Amino acid sequence: MLFASTRNLLHRVGFGAALTHGLAGDGGLYTPTEWPQLAPRSDSADLPALALELLQVFVAGDALAPALAAITREAFNFPAPLLMLDAGARLGVLELFHGPTAAFKDFGARFLAAALTRARRGARRPLKILVATSGDTGGAVAAAFHRHSGIEVAVLFPKGLVSPTQERQLTCWGDNVSSIAVRGRFDDCQRLVKQAFGDPALRERFELSSANSINLGRLLPQTVYYWAASLAIRREHGEPASFVIPSGNLGNATACVWARQLGAPIDAIVLAHNANRTVPDYLQQGVLRPRPSVATLSSAMDVGDPSNLERLLALFPDPERLRGAVRAVSIDDESTRERIRIDYRRYGRAWCPHTAVAAEAYQRLAPNERARGRWVLVATAHPAKFREIVEPLIGATLTMPQNLARLFDRPSSCTEIEATLDALSSTL
């Protein structure tokens, strides 16, 4: 299997090279050149086995193929439970926050770390990974790569625009992980990373890669939990699953679309955005207008120019085709707050602000559509990561997961810079 740039289908590389490069030389994102129809036989509850079966087609022929079983065991060593919220099993929640940093990005980050560590053995110089984060990505990548030999990580986050718990996750590592607070927005962090990749001087100094969802190694493993959940629903009810996904940079959403493209029994895909309306407006108006991001309660989704829209447009190159593949809705902060309150009373469950955006998007579906489908809310982060927001709304104290609590025992440090390439270059 080869992977092509979204900007030049003739630019093709193998699996390991796509992971190491992160971004194609022309600035495009790597996508599969083939979409085989898969029919996995593994138990959907056995995530490592299912991941091995699903991903081996993409790794076949690559130097990493013999290590894939070990890589999937490392990456998928915690569960992704699918829990039903109603008696008729018409609505469920896919909990993706049981990993080391209590966010869905742990799956892809751990897969990428396990794969790149093996791919880099014997390399002459360290790999420098640059990662821009609006909250959860940086913590997951830092945890996954911490103390992996031959790899250095620089995490860029917008100063003052992540939750206190998220900031702790970004700044408590040290060793081969450095944290950089950028005076700007997430879009500035993402812009700096892209500029760094295109800067000849930096490319001369370092071998650069990325661990954002622009990296193929983040996206492919995320297809696995969509396969697992949709296969479980089909086995139990004989029907496909429909997903409502909190969406920002569109990596998680693209993984769901890719799973369906590969044959997973998935029906509707609803992209739940916050006040950053670039994608909902594009689907509604047919004109793409990237814009500066707006700060919201659901900070990890504060993206005004989502990178993975380029991958979706590679599959569905005009608004009409994309409308046939996904829907998108924008939810404001007050509706997010109210959904957290209502669903805590209704289900006894606390949502993080991102999951609450998805829950509100589900409630806005037509009643007959909700009654007809098998719907799954994608819970992308543990609510305790946003306890400053959630606890006052539900009137209760959240229990901090042990994996998060232990991070507060570590010292924290970061470097603060202006949002310029010169400032970043002098820090690296």
Protein backbone atom coordinates (compact mmCIF):
# COMPACT_ATOMS: atom_id res chain seq x y z
CA MET A 1 0.00 0.00 0.00
CA LEU A 2 1.24 3.47 -0.92
CA PHE A 3 0.07 6.86 0.33
CA ALA A 4 -0.28 9.92 -1.88
CA SER A 5 -0.22 13.64 -1.14
CA THR A 6 -3.61 15.34 -1.32
CA ARG A 7 -1.94 17.92 -3.58
CA ASN A 8 -0.14 15.58 -5.96
CA LEU A 9 -1.40 12.03 -6.45
CA LEU A 10 1.88 11.12 -8.15
CA HIS A 11 3.82 11.87 -4.95
CA ARG A 12 3.62 8.47 -3.23
CA VAL A 13 5.45 6.93 -0.28
CA GLY A 14 5.21 3.84 1.88
CA PHE A 15 3.70 3.60 5.36
CA GLY A 16 6.86 4.20 7.37
CA ALA A 17 7.92 7.16 5.23
CA ALA A 18 4.46 8.75 5.55
CA LEU A 19 4.70 8.52 9.33
CA THR A 20 8.24 9.85 9.49
CA HIS A 21 7.61 12.78 7.12
CA GLY A 22 4.27 13.69 8.71
CA LEU A 23 3.53 16.23 6.00
CA ALA A 24 4.22 15.69 2.29
CA GLY A 25 6.96 17.80 0.74
CA ASP A 26 4.40 19.81 -1.24
CA GLY A 27 2.45 20.65 1.93
CA GLY A 28 -0.24 18.06 1.29
CA LEU A 29 -1.50 15.36 3.62
CA TYR A 30 -0.95 11.66 3.00
CA THR A 31 -4.00 9.56 2.14
CA PRO A 32 -4.34 5.91 1.07
CA THR A 33 -4.16 5.29 -2.66
CA GLU A 34 -6.55 2.34 -2.31
CA TRP A 35 -9.72 1.70 -0.31
CA PRO A 36 -10.03 -2.07 0.05
CA GLN A 37 -13.30 -3.37 1.46
CA LEU A 38 -12.41 -5.00 4.75
CA ALA A 39 -14.35 -7.69 6.60
CA PRO A 40 -12.55 -8.29 9.91
CA ARG A 41 -13.14 -11.50 11.80
CA SER A 42 -11.64 -10.44 15.13
CA ASP A 43 -13.84 -9.88 18.15
CA SER A 44 -14.75 -6.18 18.24
CA ALA A 45 -13.99 -6.15 21.97
CA ASP A 46 -10.38 -7.25 21.35
CA LEU A 47 -9.00 -3.92 20.17
CA PRO A 48 -5.36 -5.02 19.64
CA ALA A 49 -6.41 -8.01 17.51
CA LEU A 50 -8.94 -5.95 15.56
CA ALA A 51 -6.36 -3.21 14.99
CA LEU A 52 -3.81 -5.73 13.73
CA GLU A 53 -6.29 -7.22 11.28
CA LEU A 54 -7.53 -3.85 10.00
CA LEU A 55 -4.21 -2.06 9.73
CA GLN A 56 -2.06 -4.83 8.27
CA VAL A 57 -3.34 -4.06 4.78
CA PHE A 58 -1.85 -0.56 5.05
CA VAL A 59 1.48 -1.73 6.47
CA ALA A 60 1.94 -4.72 4.16
CA GLY A 61 5.31 -4.60 2.41
CA ASP A 62 6.70 -1.92 4.70
CA ALA A 63 9.67 -2.43 7.02
CA LEU A 64 7.30 -1.91 9.98
CA ALA A 65 5.02 -4.81 9.00
CA PRO A 66 6.75 -7.43 11.22
CA ALA A 67 6.38 -5.12 14.24
CA LEU A 68 2.68 -4.31 13.71
CA ALA A 69 1.41 -6.83 16.26
CA ALA A 70 3.65 -5.38 18.98
CA ILE A 71 2.72 -1.83 17.96
CA THR A 72 -1.01 -2.48 18.22
CA ARG A 73 -0.58 -4.17 21.60
CA GLU A 74 1.20 -1.06 22.90
CA ALA A 75 -1.30 1.38 21.42
CA PHE A 76 -4.54 -0.40 22.28
CA ASN A 77 -3.85 -1.52 25.85
CA PHE A 78 -6.88 0.25 27.34
CA PRO A 79 -10.61 -0.10 26.51
CA ALA A 80 -13.03 1.97 24.43
CA PRO A 81 -16.35 0.91 25.98
CA LEU A 82 -19.65 1.44 24.19
CA LEU A 83 -22.39 2.06 26.76
CA MET A 84 -26.11 2.40 26.08
CA LEU A 85 -27.98 5.37 27.53
CA ASP A 86 -31.57 4.29 26.88
CA ALA A 87 -33.59 1.12 27.29
CA GLY A 88 -34.16 0.72 23.56
CA ALA A 89 -30.43 0.93 22.79
CA ARG A 90 -31.09 3.75 20.32
CA LEU A 91 -28.50 6.00 21.92
CA GLY A 92 -25.08 5.04 23.21
CA VAL A 93 -21.83 6.71 24.15
CA LEU A 94 -18.40 5.58 22.98
CA GLU A 95 -15.98 6.38 25.80
CA LEU A 96 -12.56 7.18 24.36
CA PHE A 97 -11.05 8.68 27.53
CA HIS A 98 -9.65 5.66 29.36
CA GLY A 99 -6.05 6.12 28.18
CA PRO A 100 -3.09 7.77 29.91
CA THR A 101 -4.21 11.37 29.30
CA ALA A 102 -7.97 10.75 29.38
CA ALA A 103 -8.62 11.77 25.77
CA PHE A 104 -9.31 9.96 22.50
CA LYS A 105 -5.97 11.09 21.11
CA ASP A 106 -4.14 8.58 23.30
CA PHE A 107 -4.91 5.82 20.77
CA GLY A 108 -3.32 7.52 17.77
CA ALA A 109 -0.47 9.10 19.74
CA ARG A 110 0.59 5.80 21.29
CA PHE A 111 0.40 4.02 17.93
CA LEU A 112 2.52 6.71 16.31
CA ALA A 113 5.08 6.66 19.13
CA ALA A 114 5.41 2.87 19.02
CA ALA A 115 5.76 2.89 15.22
CA LEU A 116 8.20 5.78 14.92
CA THR A 117 10.42 4.51 17.73
CA ARG A 118 10.88 1.27 15.79
CA ALA A 119 11.26 3.03 12.45
CA ARG A 120 13.97 5.31 13.86
CA ARG A 121 16.24 2.64 15.32
CA GLY A 122 19.74 3.18 13.97
CA ALA A 123 18.96 6.67 12.63
CA ARG A 124 21.92 9.05 12.57
CA ARG A 125 20.18 12.02 14.20
CA PRO A 126 17.10 12.50 16.39
CA LEU A 127 13.69 13.10 14.89
CA LYS A 128 12.21 16.44 15.98
CA ILE A 129 8.42 16.26 16.27
CA LEU A 130 6.52 19.55 16.22
CA VAL A 131 2.95 19.38 17.47
CA ALA A 132 0.42 22.20 17.66
CA THR A 133 -2.36 21.61 20.16
CA SER A 134 -5.61 23.25 21.19
CA GLY A 135 -5.55 21.16 24.35
CA ASP A 136 -5.62 17.38 24.21
CA THR A 137 -3.28 16.52 21.33
CA GLY A 138 -0.16 17.87 23.00
CA GLY A 139 -0.77 16.00 26.25
CA ALA A 140 -1.38 12.72 24.46
CA VAL A 141 1.69 13.12 22.26
CA ALA A 142 3.90 14.18 25.17
CA ALA A 143 2.83 11.19 27.24
CA ALA A 144 3.21 8.78 24.33
CA PHE A 145 6.71 9.91 23.32
CA HIS A 146 8.11 10.75 26.76
CA ARG A 147 11.58 9.21 27.16
CA HIS A 148 11.46 7.43 23.78
CA SER A 149 15.03 7.42 22.54
CA GLY A 150 15.93 9.11 19.27
CA ILE A 151 12.86 11.36 19.25
CA GLU A 152 12.45 14.91 20.57
CA VAL A 153 9.05 16.58 20.90
CA ALA A 154 8.16 20.29 20.93
CA VAL A 155 4.54 21.02 21.95
CA LEU A 156 3.08 24.39 20.92
CA PHE A 157 -0.10 25.55 22.67
CA PRO A 158 -1.98 28.90 22.79
CA LYS A 159 -1.11 30.68 26.03
CA GLY A 160 -4.11 31.02 28.35
CA LEU A 161 -6.52 29.22 26.00
CA VAL A 162 -6.40 25.67 27.41
CA SER A 163 -7.85 24.45 30.70
CA PRO A 164 -5.57 24.35 33.78
CA THR A 165 -5.62 20.54 33.72
CA GLN A 166 -4.77 20.48 30.03
CA GLU A 167 -1.91 22.92 30.57
CA ARG A 168 -0.52 20.68 33.29
CA GLN A 169 -0.58 17.77 30.85
CA LEU A 170 1.34 19.86 28.31
CA THR A 171 4.08 21.16 30.60
CA CYS A 172 4.94 18.45 33.15
CA TRP A 173 7.19 16.15 31.13
CA GLY A 174 10.72 17.44 30.56
CA ASP A 175 13.43 15.08 29.27
CA ASN A 176 12.85 14.81 25.50
CA VAL A 177 9.62 16.88 25.60
CA SER A 178 9.64 20.70 25.57
CA SER A 179 6.52 22.85 25.95
CA ILE A 180 6.08 26.20 24.20
CA ALA A 181 3.30 28.67 25.11
CA VAL A 182 2.53 30.77 22.03
CA ARG A 183 1.06 34.26 22.47
CA GLY A 184 -1.81 33.68 20.07
CA ARG A 185 -4.48 31.19 19.10
CA PHE A 186 -4.36 27.56 18.06
CA ASP A 187 -4.34 28.65 14.43
CA ASP A 188 -1.10 30.52 15.13
CA CYS A 189 0.43 27.37 16.61
CA GLN A 190 -0.67 25.33 13.60
CA ARG A 191 0.65 28.01 11.22
CA LEU A 192 4.05 27.99 12.94
CA VAL A 193 4.33 24.22 12.59
CA LYS A 194 3.51 24.40 8.88
CA GLN A 195 5.97 27.27 8.39
CA ALA A 196 8.67 25.28 10.18
CA PHE A 197 8.17 22.36 7.81
CA GLY A 198 8.63 24.70 4.85
CA ASP A 199 11.66 26.52 6.26
CA PRO A 200 14.95 25.38 4.63
CA ALA A 201 17.07 26.47 7.60
CA LEU A 202 15.05 24.43 10.08
CA ARG A 203 14.98 21.43 7.78
CA GLU A 204 18.75 21.67 7.56
CA ARG A 205 19.04 21.71 11.36
CA PHE A 206 16.51 18.98 12.10
CA GLU A 207 14.73 16.00 10.64
CA LEU A 208 11.19 17.22 11.23
CA SER A 209 7.92 15.36 11.64
CA SER A 210 4.50 16.01 13.13
CA ALA A 211 2.23 14.18 15.54
CA ASN A 212 -0.88 16.23 14.87
CA SER A 213 -3.74 14.53 13.07
CA ILE A 214 -2.08 15.65 9.85
CA ASN A 215 0.12 12.58 10.45
CA LEU A 216 -1.26 9.43 8.88
CA GLY A 217 -0.08 7.46 11.91
CA ARG A 218 -2.56 9.31 14.08
CA LEU A 219 -5.58 8.79 11.84
CA LEU A 220 -5.41 5.15 10.75
CA PRO A 221 -5.46 3.72 14.30
CA GLN A 222 -8.43 5.95 15.14
CA THR A 223 -10.50 4.09 12.53
CA VAL A 224 -10.27 1.01 14.77
CA TYR A 225 -12.64 2.14 17.51
CA TYR A 226 -15.24 3.17 14.93
CA TRP A 227 -15.01 -0.30 13.44
CA ALA A 228 -15.30 -1.85 16.92
CA ALA A 229 -18.39 0.15 17.91
CA SER A 230 -20.18 -0.25 14.58
CA LEU A 231 -19.46 -4.00 14.43
CA ALA A 232 -20.80 -4.41 17.98
CA ILE A 233 -24.02 -2.60 17.10
CA ARG A 234 -24.53 -4.59 13.91
CA ARG A 235 -23.90 -7.85 15.77
CA GLU A 236 -26.38 -6.92 18.50
CA HIS A 237 -29.09 -5.20 16.44
CA GLY A 238 -28.44 -6.02 12.79
CA GLU A 239 -28.24 -2.32 11.92
CA PRO A 240 -25.46 0.15 11.10
CA ALA A 241 -24.30 2.72 13.62
CA SER A 242 -24.49 6.50 13.24
CA PHE A 243 -21.99 8.74 15.02
CA VAL A 244 -22.09 12.29 16.37
CA ILE A 245 -18.49 13.45 16.66
CA PRO A 246 -17.08 16.53 18.44
CA SER A 247 -15.10 18.17 15.64
CA GLY A 248 -12.32 20.73 15.44
CA ASN A 249 -9.33 19.90 13.25
CA LEU A 250 -11.44 17.03 11.79
CA GLY A 251 -8.95 14.23 12.51
CA ASN A 252 -11.40 12.11 14.51
CA ALA A 253 -14.18 12.81 12.01
CA THR A 254 -11.95 11.85 9.09
CA ALA A 255 -11.08 8.58 10.82
CA CYS A 256 -14.80 7.76 11.01
CA VAL A 257 -15.29 8.62 7.33
CA TRP A 258 -12.29 6.46 6.43
CA ALA A 259 -13.68 3.54 8.45
CA ARG A 260 -16.95 3.76 6.52
CA GLN A 261 -15.01 4.07 3.25
CA LEU A 262 -13.25 0.79 4.13
CA GLY A 263 -16.53 -1.02 4.73
CA ALA A 264 -17.41 -0.45 8.38
CA PRO A 265 -21.22 -0.64 8.95
CA ILE A 266 -21.66 3.09 9.52
CA ASP A 267 -24.66 5.12 8.38
CA ALA A 268 -24.84 8.84 9.23
CA ILE A 269 -21.89 10.93 10.44
CA VAL A 270 -22.70 14.22 12.14
CA LEU A 271 -19.87 16.67 12.84
CA ALA A 272 -20.59 18.66 15.99
CA HIS A 273 -18.72 21.98 15.96
CA ASN A 274 -18.67 24.78 18.49
CA ALA A 275 -18.80 28.47 17.50
CA ASN A 276 -15.95 27.87 15.02
CA ARG A 277 -18.26 27.47 12.05
CA THR A 278 -15.91 27.05 9.09
CA VAL A 279 -17.14 23.55 8.18
CA PRO A 280 -20.88 24.04 8.89
CA ASP A 281 -20.80 27.25 6.83
CA TYR A 282 -18.97 25.53 3.98
CA LEU A 283 -21.56 22.77 3.81
CA GLN A 284 -24.40 25.28 4.01
CA GLN A 285 -23.07 27.97 1.68
CA GLY A 286 -20.69 26.06 -0.59
CA VAL A 287 -17.86 28.57 -0.08
CA LEU A 288 -14.82 27.77 2.07
CA ARG A 289 -13.90 30.68 4.33
CA PRO A 290 -11.19 29.80 6.87
CA ARG A 291 -11.09 32.35 9.67
CA PRO A 292 -9.37 33.06 12.99
CA SER A 293 -10.50 30.68 15.71
CA VAL A 294 -12.89 31.77 18.44
CA ALA A 295 -12.26 30.79 22.07
CA THR A 296 -15.03 28.58 23.51
CA LEU A 297 -15.71 26.21 26.42
CA SER A 298 -14.77 23.29 24.18
CA SER A 299 -11.24 24.57 23.65
CA ALA A 300 -9.80 21.50 21.91
CA MET A 301 -12.21 22.21 19.03
CA ASP A 302 -11.29 25.89 18.62
CA VAL A 303 -10.03 25.60 15.05
CA GLY A 304 -10.83 28.11 12.32
CA ASP A 305 -8.88 26.46 9.49
CA PRO A 306 -9.15 22.68 9.99
CA SER A 307 -6.27 20.78 8.38
CA ASN A 308 -8.11 17.52 7.76
CA LEU A 309 -10.77 19.19 5.66
CA GLU A 310 -8.17 18.75 2.91
CA ARG A 311 -8.39 14.98 3.35
CA LEU A 312 -12.20 15.03 3.28
CA LEU A 313 -12.15 17.13 0.13
CA ALA A 314 -9.76 14.66 -1.47
CA LEU A 315 -12.56 12.08 -1.15
CA PHE A 316 -15.48 14.45 -1.74
CA PRO A 317 -14.10 17.33 -3.84
CA ASP A 318 -17.13 19.63 -3.88
CA PRO A 319 -19.72 20.78 -1.31
CA GLU A 320 -22.52 18.66 -2.74
CA ARG A 321 -20.56 15.42 -2.44
CA LEU A 322 -19.33 16.29 1.03
CA ARG A 323 -22.92 17.05 2.09
CA GLY A 324 -23.81 13.53 1.02
CA ALA A 325 -21.08 12.11 3.24
CA VAL A 326 -21.38 14.15 6.45
CA ARG A 327 -23.49 16.77 8.14
CA ALA A 328 -22.22 19.56 10.36
CA VAL A 329 -23.84 21.69 13.03
CA SER A 330 -22.56 24.57 15.18
CA ILE A 331 -23.38 24.73 18.92
CA ASP A 332 -22.87 27.82 21.06
CA ASP A 333 -21.47 27.89 24.60
CA GLU A 334 -24.76 28.52 26.36
CA SER A 335 -26.34 25.49 24.67
CA THR A 336 -23.27 23.48 25.67
CA ARG A 337 -23.67 24.52 29.31
CA GLU A 338 -27.36 23.67 29.30
CA ARG A 339 -26.75 20.26 27.73
CA ILE A 340 -24.24 19.42 30.49
CA ARG A 341 -26.90 20.32 33.09
CA ILE A 342 -29.75 18.46 31.39
CA ASP A 343 -27.90 15.25 30.63
CA TYR A 344 -26.42 15.06 34.12
CA ARG A 345 -29.98 15.09 35.48
CA ARG A 346 -31.24 12.72 32.78
CA TYR A 347 -28.45 10.13 32.67
CA GLY A 348 -26.43 10.83 35.81
CA ARG A 349 -23.43 11.37 33.55
CA ALA A 350 -21.16 14.39 33.30
CA TRP A 351 -19.99 15.37 29.83
CA CYS A 352 -16.83 17.27 29.04
CA PRO A 353 -17.69 20.40 27.00
CA HIS A 354 -16.69 18.67 23.74
CA THR A 355 -18.91 15.65 24.34
CA ALA A 356 -21.69 18.04 25.36
CA VAL A 357 -21.45 19.72 21.94
CA ALA A 358 -22.06 16.30 20.36
CA ALA A 359 -24.93 15.57 22.78
CA GLU A 360 -26.60 18.86 21.89
CA ALA A 361 -26.13 18.18 18.16
CA TYR A 362 -27.86 14.82 18.65
CA GLN A 363 -30.80 16.49 20.40
CA ARG A 364 -31.24 18.81 17.42
CA LEU A 365 -31.80 15.90 15.03
CA ALA A 366 -35.39 15.35 13.93
CA PRO A 367 -37.25 13.11 16.44
CA ASN A 368 -38.04 10.49 13.78
CA GLU A 369 -34.36 10.33 12.80
CA ARG A 370 -33.31 9.81 16.41
CA ALA A 371 -35.95 7.09 16.82
CA ARG A 372 -34.96 5.31 13.61
CA GLY A 373 -31.19 5.13 13.95
CA ARG A 374 -28.64 3.54 16.28
CA TRP A 375 -26.84 6.65 17.45
CA VAL A 376 -23.50 6.92 19.22
CA LEU A 377 -22.15 10.03 20.95
CA VAL A 378 -18.37 10.10 20.79
CA ALA A 379 -17.05 11.06 24.25
CA THR A 380 -13.62 12.46 23.48
CA ALA A 381 -12.34 13.53 26.92
CA HIS A 382 -12.96 12.84 30.61
CA PRO A 383 -15.03 15.64 32.19
CA ALA A 384 -12.50 16.02 35.02
CA LYS A 385 -10.11 17.58 32.52
CA PHE A 386 -12.56 20.50 32.50
CA ARG A 387 -13.71 20.39 36.10
CA GLU A 388 -13.55 24.20 36.40
CA ILE A 389 -16.33 24.34 33.79
CA VAL A 390 -18.31 21.19 34.54
CA GLU A 391 -18.53 21.08 38.35
CA PRO A 392 -20.42 24.40 38.78
CA LEU A 393 -22.91 23.30 36.10
CA ILE A 394 -23.73 19.92 37.66
CA GLY A 395 -23.36 20.97 41.29
CA ALA A 396 -21.10 18.05 42.10
CA THR A 397 -17.41 17.29 42.49
CA LEU A 398 -15.84 15.14 39.80
CA THR A 399 -13.43 12.37 40.70
CA MET A 400 -10.07 12.91 39.06
CA PRO A 401 -8.86 9.76 37.27
CA GLN A 402 -5.65 8.44 38.75
CA ASN A 403 -3.77 8.87 35.46
CA LEU A 404 -4.56 12.59 35.52
CA ALA A 405 -4.06 13.10 39.24
CA ARG A 406 -0.48 11.87 39.17
CA LEU A 407 0.50 14.56 36.66
CA PHE A 408 -0.02 17.22 39.33
CA ASP A 409 2.85 15.70 41.31
CA ARG A 410 5.30 16.49 38.52
CA PRO A 411 7.09 19.86 38.13
CA SER A 412 5.79 22.07 35.34
CA SER A 413 7.73 24.33 32.96
CA CYS A 414 7.37 25.93 29.53
CA THR A 415 8.88 28.62 27.30
CA GLU A 416 6.71 31.54 26.20
CA ILE A 417 7.17 32.98 22.68
CA GLU A 418 5.59 35.37 20.21
CA ALA A 419 3.73 33.77 17.30
CA THR A 420 6.60 34.15 14.81
CA LEU A 421 8.79 31.62 13.05
CA ASP A 422 11.92 33.42 14.26
CA ALA A 423 10.80 33.05 17.87
CA LEU A 424 10.07 29.35 17.35
CA SER A 425 13.40 28.75 15.59
CA SER A 426 15.37 30.27 18.45
CA THR A 427 13.54 28.03 20.93
CA LEU A 428 14.06 24.70 19.15
